């Protein structure tokens, strides 16, 4: 399975789990300083095309879930946003991802 197919499968699974019914697009693009971003207006998640290749499946799932939660709750990390993320993932996963990505630069 290609990385892009994995991304779309992960997106569908997480949308269902998070109760997101809207159509959400995923685009890959090179970023200099970001792992991912989201456009609330376009319902589009942008993943760093260079970093995404180095992520494990669990890390990729975390990044996509994080961005989907922005679509659900808005741009800020509200208490609801944080609580839902904590239900899905270990609280230190984001820090481990950042350390690993920064180490490989």
Protein backbone atom coordinates (compact mmCIF):
# COMPACT_ATOMS: atom_id res chain seq x y z
CA UNK A 1 0.00 0.00 0.00
CA UNK A 2 1.37 3.41 -0.94
CA UNK A 3 1.80 6.18 1.61
CA UNK A 4 -0.97 8.17 -0.09
CA UNK A 5 -3.37 5.20 0.14
CA UNK A 6 -2.46 4.85 3.83
CA UNK A 7 -3.15 8.54 4.37
CA UNK A 8 -6.62 8.27 2.81
CA UNK A 9 -7.46 5.09 4.73
CA UNK A 10 -6.33 6.72 7.99
CA UNK A 11 -8.32 9.85 7.17
CA UNK A 12 -11.55 7.86 6.59
CA UNK A 13 -11.08 5.82 9.77
CA UNK A 14 -10.42 8.90 11.91
CA UNK A 15 -13.26 10.93 10.41
CA UNK A 16 -15.67 8.19 11.42
CA UNK A 17 -14.15 7.87 14.90
CA UNK A 18 -14.31 11.64 15.46
CA UNK A 19 -17.80 12.04 13.98
CA UNK A 20 -16.71 14.28 11.12
CA UNK A 21 -19.11 13.98 8.21
CA UNK A 22 -17.84 16.77 5.92
CA UNK A 23 -15.67 16.00 2.93
CA UNK A 24 -12.01 16.54 3.88
CA UNK A 25 -9.19 16.68 1.36
CA UNK A 26 -5.55 15.91 2.03
CA UNK A 27 -2.79 17.54 0.03
CA UNK A 28 0.95 16.94 0.26
CA UNK A 29 3.20 19.95 -0.01
CA UNK A 30 6.71 20.86 1.11
CA UNK A 31 6.91 23.04 4.21
CA UNK A 32 10.09 24.51 5.62
CA UNK A 33 8.97 24.60 9.27
CA UNK A 34 5.70 22.68 9.64
CA UNK A 35 4.69 19.04 9.78
CA UNK A 36 1.11 19.85 8.81
CA UNK A 37 -1.50 22.58 8.58
CA UNK A 38 -5.21 22.83 7.93
CA UNK A 39 -7.46 25.18 6.00
CA UNK A 40 -10.77 25.51 7.83
CA UNK A 41 -12.26 27.35 4.88
CA UNK A 42 -11.30 24.69 2.31
CA UNK A 43 -11.65 21.63 4.62
CA UNK A 44 -8.17 20.63 3.52
CA UNK A 45 -5.31 19.13 5.52
CA UNK A 46 -1.84 19.87 4.19
CA UNK A 47 0.88 17.38 5.13
CA UNK A 48 4.59 18.07 4.73
CA UNK A 49 5.55 15.91 1.75
CA UNK A 50 9.12 15.51 2.96
CA UNK A 51 8.42 14.73 6.61
CA UNK A 52 5.48 12.41 5.95
CA UNK A 53 7.76 9.79 4.43
CA UNK A 54 9.61 9.42 7.75
CA UNK A 55 6.57 9.02 10.01
CA UNK A 56 5.43 5.69 11.40
CA UNK A 57 1.80 4.73 10.85
CA UNK A 58 0.93 5.73 14.44
CA UNK A 59 2.65 9.10 14.06
CA UNK A 60 0.84 9.72 10.78
CA UNK A 61 -2.45 8.84 12.48
CA UNK A 62 -1.70 11.34 15.26
CA UNK A 63 -0.91 14.16 12.82
CA UNK A 64 -4.07 13.57 10.79
CA UNK A 65 -6.22 13.31 13.95
CA UNK A 66 -4.73 16.56 15.25
CA UNK A 67 -5.62 18.39 12.04
CA UNK A 68 -9.10 16.83 11.90
CA UNK A 69 -9.72 18.08 15.42
CA UNK A 70 -8.92 21.59 14.21
CA UNK A 71 -11.64 21.16 11.59
CA UNK A 72 -14.02 20.01 14.34
CA UNK A 73 -13.15 22.56 17.07
CA UNK A 74 -11.48 25.44 15.23
CA UNK A 75 -8.02 26.90 15.21
CA UNK A 76 -7.45 26.95 18.99
CA UNK A 77 -6.55 24.03 21.22
CA UNK A 78 -9.65 24.10 23.39
CA UNK A 79 -10.22 21.83 26.35
CA UNK A 80 -12.52 19.68 24.17
CA UNK A 81 -9.83 19.48 21.47
CA UNK A 82 -7.18 18.38 23.99
CA UNK A 83 -9.47 15.89 25.75
CA UNK A 84 -10.44 14.18 22.50
CA UNK A 85 -6.80 13.96 21.39
CA UNK A 86 -5.83 12.47 24.77
CA UNK A 87 -8.54 9.80 24.43
CA UNK A 88 -7.00 8.66 21.15
CA UNK A 89 -3.26 8.91 21.83
CA UNK A 90 -0.55 8.81 24.47
CA UNK A 91 0.00 12.34 25.74
CA UNK A 92 3.72 12.27 24.90
CA UNK A 93 3.38 11.13 21.29
CA UNK A 94 3.52 14.68 19.87
CA UNK A 95 6.75 15.41 21.74
CA UNK A 96 8.32 12.14 20.55
CA UNK A 97 7.36 12.94 16.94
CA UNK A 98 8.91 16.40 17.14
CA UNK A 99 12.12 15.10 18.73
CA UNK A 100 12.49 12.37 16.12
CA UNK A 101 11.77 14.69 13.17
CA UNK A 102 14.15 17.38 14.44
CA UNK A 103 16.88 14.82 15.10
CA UNK A 104 16.82 13.63 11.46
CA UNK A 105 17.34 17.09 9.96
